[in-house]
Structures are given as C-alpha cells and as structure tokens.
Amino acid sequence: MKVAVLGAGGKMGSTVAQTVIAQPDLKLVAVVDPRLSGIEFEHATGVSGSGLSISGDISEIVRSGADVVVDFTTAASAFENLKYCASHGISAVVGTTGLDQTKMDELDRAFIDADRGCIVAANFAIGAILMMRFAEIAAGFFETAEVLEMHHETKIDAPSGTAIATARRIASAKLVGGSSFLPDSTENSLFEGARGADVDGVRVHSMRIRGAIAHQEVVFGTMGQSLSIRHDSYDRSSFMPGLIIAIRGIQSVRGVMAGIDRLIDDRLSIRSERGE
C-alpha cells in the first residue's frame, strides 16, 4: 500500500514517515509540508530511507499514486486536505483534532461519494483507546467523574481531543444507563477556570508541562471509594502501532469513522476465534 504524509516535517509527521518506511507491506511515496518545500526529507527530519524530497504542493499525493494519506497538520488545513483527498479518490487517516460535527458530516458525505474511507482519531495510542473504553464501562457505577489531561507546553489546543472524547463518551455511557453524574456543587470559584471546562457535564482539566508528551487520568468517585484510570504516552512512538492498524484497515472503511475502536474490536474477535 502506498502512503503519503501531510505535515511530514513536524514531529508527529516525521515519526509517521519513519514508521511507514519500516513496514514491509507499506511504501512511503510522498511527504508534503509547505514550510519545508524542496528540502530533502532526510536532511530536514533526520529520517533516512525514503529517498524523497519534501513537496509543498498537496497535488504530490496524486502524482505519487498514494492509496492513503496520513494527515498530522492543523484542523483548518486538515479539512481542506481531506476534501482534496476525497475528490481525488484517496483514503485518509487523520490524527488532527478540532474538526466540528458540521465538517465531519461534510467529509463523511464526500468520502462516501468517493467510495473511500477516512479515519479521524483523537488518539492512536492503543492504551489510550483502552483507557477510554474502560472509563465507559466504569461510568455506570460511579456518581462523579473528572478528566485530567497533561501535554507538552507547545500544544496549542485545550482541552485535548482525547479528553473531550473521553468526557463525552463517559457522559453518554452514564445516560444510556439511565442516570447522569452529580452536578458540580461549587458556588464560588475564587479564580476563573478553577473547576476546569464543562464537557457534557464532566469537568475536564488541562495541564501544559514541559517534558510531557500525552497523559490522561479519569477519576471516578462514589460513596467510600474512588477509581482512577490513567494512560501515559512517554514517546510519540506510542501512537504508531494504532496508526499502522488504521492504515492497514482503511480499505474496510467507507465514509468517515471516528477512532479505531472498531478495527481493534475486529482484531480481538479474530484472536478470540483462534483461541489466542
């Protein structure tokens, strides 16, 4: 399968490219980043083995014959990039957060019309995905819940996409069970933001700490007990196994699919049938 990377000059983009190069069944055919146009990819990123120069033009993904594009740019850029991919019949895997529901719906129609797939995931770390799943299971048994996320100091959005997704999923799981979390009884916040952001009734707190990568803890409480479910990514390589699952599984997707939970479930089902 031929893979192109958009945002290839960034930390995540270059890690993606390096990971793709190492896969025997994948071939890196294009690296695109307008900021570094014309520079040899190895010289710009230190990643060897591609033999490619960075292009500043998204049309390079078409010229290269890419089957799938991996996008780690910004939300504004990703939306236009994905429309371009759909219009040219190229599937996409996206690690960029910040696409609102209106844009997601528009992209879903575009990829369905193109008979192609697009996976949009807030987090590709398999541990993070399992953390969200475990939190959904726990939600029905506790009366209060809050999410604490910590990322590196250069992250520009808050809360993180993973934190927002987690809060929404546990709030929804609670409602499906016929109840909701207890309301916040705080009446007097001495400083603005002291209780964090309210995401569907779940408080979310964001920290930006130098030296951190991506960390999240979901804390549940009920009478006489609490439960903490935590995931830590210490290196960007933690996102790569899930990303490779998404790239290899994209051919089974039509339209836009949020997250890679279904692909992980498929793998678990196969292993269960084999008795592994």
Protein backbone atom coordinates (compact mmCIF):
# COMPACT_ATOMS: atom_id res chain seq x y z
CA MET A 1 0.00 0.00 0.00
CA LYS A 2 1.34 3.42 -0.98
CA VAL A 3 1.29 6.05 1.79
CA ALA A 4 1.69 9.84 1.69
CA VAL A 5 2.19 12.01 4.78
CA LEU A 6 0.89 15.57 5.12
CA GLY A 7 2.64 17.67 7.75
CA ALA A 8 5.66 15.43 7.25
CA GLY A 9 8.16 17.97 8.61
CA GLY A 10 6.56 18.08 12.07
CA LYS A 11 7.44 15.84 14.99
CA MET A 12 4.44 13.56 14.52
CA GLY A 13 4.59 13.63 10.73
CA SER A 14 8.24 12.62 10.61
CA THR A 15 7.64 9.84 13.15
CA VAL A 16 4.79 8.56 10.98
CA ALA A 17 7.02 8.58 7.90
CA GLN A 18 9.78 6.70 9.74
CA THR A 19 7.27 4.09 10.91
CA VAL A 20 5.81 3.62 7.42
CA ILE A 21 9.30 3.14 5.94
CA ALA A 22 9.91 0.31 8.43
CA GLN A 23 6.79 -1.66 7.36
CA PRO A 24 7.43 -4.28 4.65
CA ASP A 25 3.87 -4.01 3.28
CA LEU A 26 3.79 -0.20 3.12
CA LYS A 27 5.65 2.21 0.86
CA LEU A 28 6.19 5.90 1.60
CA VAL A 29 5.65 7.67 -1.73
CA ALA A 30 5.19 11.36 -0.79
CA VAL A 31 6.00 13.75 2.06
CA VAL A 32 4.25 17.12 1.97
CA ASP A 33 4.92 20.19 4.10
CA PRO A 34 4.73 23.73 2.61
CA ARG A 35 7.13 25.06 5.26
CA LEU A 36 9.96 22.83 4.02
CA SER A 37 9.27 22.59 0.31
CA GLY A 38 12.21 21.42 -1.79
CA ILE A 39 14.34 20.17 1.10
CA GLU A 40 15.43 16.54 1.19
CA PHE A 41 13.31 14.73 3.77
CA GLU A 42 16.31 13.12 5.45
CA HIS A 43 18.09 16.47 5.74
CA ALA A 44 15.01 18.19 7.22
CA THR A 45 14.00 15.47 9.70
CA GLY A 46 16.88 13.04 10.13
CA VAL A 47 14.67 10.20 8.87
CA SER A 48 16.56 8.09 6.33
CA GLY A 49 15.44 5.53 3.81
CA SER A 50 12.78 7.43 1.86
CA GLY A 51 14.84 8.98 -0.90
CA LEU A 52 12.19 11.71 -1.11
CA SER A 53 12.23 15.48 -1.15
CA ILE A 54 9.52 17.40 0.67
CA SER A 55 6.86 18.86 -1.57
CA GLY A 56 4.91 21.99 -0.73
CA ASP A 57 2.04 21.04 -3.04
CA ILE A 58 -0.73 18.68 -1.95
CA SER A 59 -1.12 17.55 -5.57
CA GLU A 60 2.02 15.47 -4.97
CA ILE A 61 -0.19 12.85 -3.30
CA VAL A 62 -1.99 12.34 -6.61
CA ARG A 63 1.19 12.34 -8.71
CA SER A 64 2.74 9.76 -6.37
CA GLY A 65 -0.20 7.37 -6.71
CA ALA A 66 -0.84 7.26 -2.95
CA ASP A 67 -3.55 4.85 -1.76
CA VAL A 68 -3.87 6.52 1.64
CA VAL A 69 -2.84 9.85 3.12
CA VAL A 70 -1.88 10.35 6.76
CA ASP A 71 -2.61 13.91 7.92
CA PHE A 72 -0.98 15.43 11.01
CA THR A 73 -1.45 19.11 10.23
CA THR A 74 -3.91 21.57 11.84
CA ALA A 75 -7.70 21.38 11.94
CA ALA A 76 -8.06 24.20 9.40
CA SER A 77 -5.58 22.63 7.00
CA ALA A 78 -6.83 19.08 7.56
CA PHE A 79 -10.38 19.92 6.50
CA GLU A 80 -9.26 21.26 3.12
CA ASN A 81 -6.73 18.45 2.74
CA LEU A 82 -9.38 15.83 3.35
CA LYS A 83 -11.79 17.35 0.87
CA TYR A 84 -8.97 17.22 -1.67
CA CYS A 85 -8.29 13.55 -0.85
CA ALA A 86 -11.95 12.61 -1.24
CA SER A 87 -12.27 14.48 -4.52
CA HIS A 88 -9.30 12.52 -5.89
CA GLY A 89 -10.39 9.11 -4.58
CA ILE A 90 -7.70 8.78 -1.89
CA SER A 91 -8.45 7.40 1.57
CA ALA A 92 -7.17 9.20 4.65
CA VAL A 93 -6.10 8.64 8.24
CA VAL A 94 -6.18 11.77 10.38
CA GLY A 95 -4.61 12.48 13.76
CA THR A 96 -5.61 16.14 13.76
CA THR A 97 -8.27 17.18 16.28
CA GLY A 98 -10.62 20.15 16.20
CA LEU A 99 -12.95 19.21 13.32
CA ASP A 100 -16.51 20.11 14.36
CA GLN A 101 -19.54 17.96 13.61
CA THR A 102 -20.62 20.03 10.62
CA LYS A 103 -17.25 19.49 8.94
CA MET A 104 -17.23 15.82 9.90
CA ASP A 105 -20.65 15.37 8.28
CA GLU A 106 -19.48 17.14 5.11
CA LEU A 107 -16.39 14.93 4.94
CA ASP A 108 -18.47 11.82 5.55
CA ARG A 109 -20.63 12.60 2.53
CA ALA A 110 -17.57 13.37 0.40
CA PHE A 111 -15.81 10.10 1.22
CA ILE A 112 -19.00 8.07 0.78
CA ASP A 113 -19.49 9.64 -2.65
CA ALA A 114 -15.87 8.76 -3.47
CA ASP A 115 -16.31 5.18 -2.19
CA ARG A 116 -13.33 5.74 0.08
CA GLY A 117 -12.70 5.81 3.82
CA CYS A 118 -11.43 8.35 6.33
CA ILE A 119 -10.45 7.56 9.91
CA VAL A 120 -10.34 10.53 12.30
CA ALA A 121 -8.87 9.69 15.70
CA ALA A 122 -8.11 11.91 18.66
CA ASN A 123 -5.52 9.40 19.81
CA PHE A 124 -3.91 6.40 18.11
CA ALA A 125 -2.24 5.01 21.25
CA ILE A 126 -3.86 1.65 21.90
CA GLY A 127 -3.51 2.18 25.65
CA ALA A 128 -5.41 5.46 25.38
CA ILE A 129 -8.18 3.80 23.39
CA LEU A 130 -8.49 1.08 26.01
CA MET A 131 -8.45 3.74 28.74
CA MET A 132 -11.49 5.38 27.16
CA ARG A 133 -13.24 2.03 26.83
CA PHE A 134 -12.56 1.10 30.45
CA ALA A 135 -13.83 4.54 31.52
CA GLU A 136 -17.08 3.96 29.62
CA ILE A 137 -17.56 0.69 31.49
CA ALA A 138 -16.85 2.32 34.85
CA ALA A 139 -19.13 5.31 34.29
CA GLY A 140 -22.31 3.47 35.18
CA PHE A 141 -21.03 2.54 38.63
CA PHE A 142 -19.92 5.96 39.93
CA GLU A 143 -21.63 9.24 40.79
CA THR A 144 -18.88 11.73 39.92
CA ALA A 145 -16.17 11.82 37.27
CA GLU A 146 -13.49 14.26 36.17
CA VAL A 147 -10.80 14.13 33.47
CA LEU A 148 -7.26 15.43 33.91
CA GLU A 149 -5.05 15.70 30.82
CA MET A 150 -1.42 16.75 30.56
CA HIS A 151 0.51 17.55 27.38
CA HIS A 152 3.70 19.27 26.30
CA GLU A 153 3.86 23.05 26.62
CA THR A 154 3.68 23.65 22.85
CA LYS A 155 0.25 22.06 22.34
CA ILE A 156 -1.99 24.83 21.05
CA ASP A 157 -5.47 23.48 21.86
CA ALA A 158 -7.13 22.74 25.19
CA PRO A 159 -8.71 20.52 26.25
CA SER A 160 -7.11 17.81 24.17
CA GLY A 161 -9.19 15.90 21.66
CA THR A 162 -8.75 12.76 23.73
CA ALA A 163 -10.03 14.48 26.87
CA ILE A 164 -13.07 15.84 25.05
CA ALA A 165 -13.82 12.44 23.52
CA THR A 166 -13.42 10.73 26.90
CA ALA A 167 -15.74 13.17 28.67
CA ARG A 168 -18.40 12.80 26.00
CA ARG A 169 -18.16 9.03 25.96
CA ILE A 170 -18.47 8.59 29.71
CA ALA A 171 -21.31 11.13 29.89
CA SER A 172 -23.12 9.25 27.12
CA ALA A 173 -22.48 5.89 28.79
CA LYS A 174 -23.95 7.27 32.01
CA LEU A 175 -27.08 8.47 30.20
CA VAL A 176 -27.53 5.13 28.45
CA GLY A 177 -27.56 3.58 31.91
CA GLY A 178 -30.48 5.84 32.84
CA SER A 179 -28.68 8.37 35.04
CA SER A 180 -26.17 11.22 34.98
CA PHE A 181 -23.23 12.33 37.07
CA LEU A 182 -23.92 14.51 40.09
CA PRO A 183 -23.90 18.23 39.25
CA ASP A 184 -20.97 20.36 40.37
CA SER A 185 -21.98 21.98 43.66
CA THR A 186 -19.28 24.67 43.51
CA GLU A 187 -20.95 28.06 44.02
CA ASN A 188 -17.95 30.34 44.39
CA SER A 189 -14.86 29.91 42.18
CA LEU A 190 -12.23 32.27 43.53
CA PHE A 191 -10.40 32.25 40.19
CA GLU A 192 -11.80 31.82 36.68
CA GLY A 193 -11.35 28.29 35.40
CA ALA A 194 -10.65 26.81 38.82
CA ARG A 195 -13.07 23.96 38.15
CA GLY A 196 -11.94 23.36 34.58
CA ALA A 197 -14.06 23.11 31.45
CA ASP A 198 -17.54 21.57 31.41
CA VAL A 199 -17.82 18.95 28.65
CA ASP A 200 -21.30 17.39 28.68
CA GLY A 201 -21.42 17.71 32.45
CA VAL A 202 -17.93 16.28 33.05
CA ARG A 203 -15.19 18.58 34.34
CA VAL A 204 -12.01 18.50 32.25
CA HIS A 205 -8.71 19.97 33.47
CA SER A 206 -5.76 20.72 31.17
CA MET A 207 -2.09 20.98 32.11
CA ARG A 208 0.72 22.05 29.78
CA ILE A 209 4.04 20.84 31.17
CA ARG A 210 7.47 20.92 29.55
CA GLY A 211 8.83 17.41 29.21
CA ALA A 212 5.39 15.81 28.96
CA ILE A 213 4.07 14.08 25.83
CA ALA A 214 0.46 12.94 26.36
CA HIS A 215 -1.05 11.82 29.65
CA GLN A 216 -4.60 11.44 30.89
CA GLU A 217 -6.34 10.27 34.03
CA VAL A 218 -10.06 9.72 34.55
CA VAL A 219 -11.07 9.85 38.21
CA PHE A 220 -14.39 8.37 39.34
CA GLY A 221 -15.91 8.62 42.80
CA THR A 222 -18.83 7.24 44.73
CA MET A 223 -19.60 6.57 48.37
CA GLY A 224 -16.50 5.30 50.18
CA GLN A 225 -14.33 4.70 47.10
CA SER A 226 -12.70 6.13 44.00
CA LEU A 227 -11.27 4.70 40.81
CA SER A 228 -8.51 6.20 38.66
CA ILE A 229 -7.89 5.04 35.10
CA ARG A 230 -4.69 6.51 33.66
CA HIS A 231 -2.73 6.31 30.45
CA ASP A 232 0.72 7.76 29.74
CA SER A 233 2.48 8.20 26.42
CA TYR A 234 6.17 8.82 27.06
CA ASP A 235 7.16 8.99 23.42
CA ARG A 236 5.43 9.68 20.09
CA SER A 237 6.25 6.12 19.08
CA SER A 238 3.35 5.08 21.35
CA PHE A 239 0.91 6.27 18.68
CA MET A 240 2.44 4.27 15.86
CA PRO A 241 1.02 0.73 16.38
CA GLY A 242 -2.52 2.11 16.37
CA LEU A 243 -1.78 4.28 13.37
CA ILE A 244 -0.49 1.27 11.41
CA ILE A 245 -3.69 -0.61 12.31
CA ALA A 246 -5.65 2.34 10.88
CA ILE A 247 -3.62 2.46 7.65
CA ARG A 248 -3.95 -1.26 7.07
CA GLY A 249 -7.65 -1.23 7.96
CA ILE A 250 -8.69 1.83 5.95
CA GLN A 251 -9.77 -0.26 2.97
CA SER A 252 -12.64 -1.67 5.04
CA VAL A 253 -13.98 1.83 5.84
CA ARG A 254 -16.42 3.90 3.80
CA GLY A 255 -17.17 7.45 4.80
CA VAL A 256 -15.75 8.90 8.00
CA MET A 257 -15.12 6.69 11.01
CA ALA A 258 -14.25 8.25 14.36
CA GLY A 259 -11.47 6.39 16.16
CA ILE A 260 -10.05 2.92 15.59
CA ASP A 261 -12.14 1.10 18.20
CA ARG A 262 -13.89 -0.99 15.54
CA LEU A 263 -10.60 -2.08 13.99
CA ILE A 264 -9.26 -3.09 17.41
CA ASP A 265 -12.50 -4.98 18.11
CA ASP A 266 -12.07 -6.80 14.80
CA ARG A 267 -8.56 -7.86 15.79
CA LEU A 268 -9.76 -9.03 19.21
CA SER A 269 -12.56 -11.05 17.59
CA ILE A 270 -10.10 -12.77 15.26
CA ARG A 271 -7.84 -13.66 18.16
CA SER A 272 -10.78 -14.90 20.22
CA GLU A 273 -11.91 -17.18 17.38
CA ARG A 274 -8.38 -18.55 17.15
CA GLY A 275 -8.34 -19.14 20.90
CA GLU A 276 -5.40 -16.77 21.37
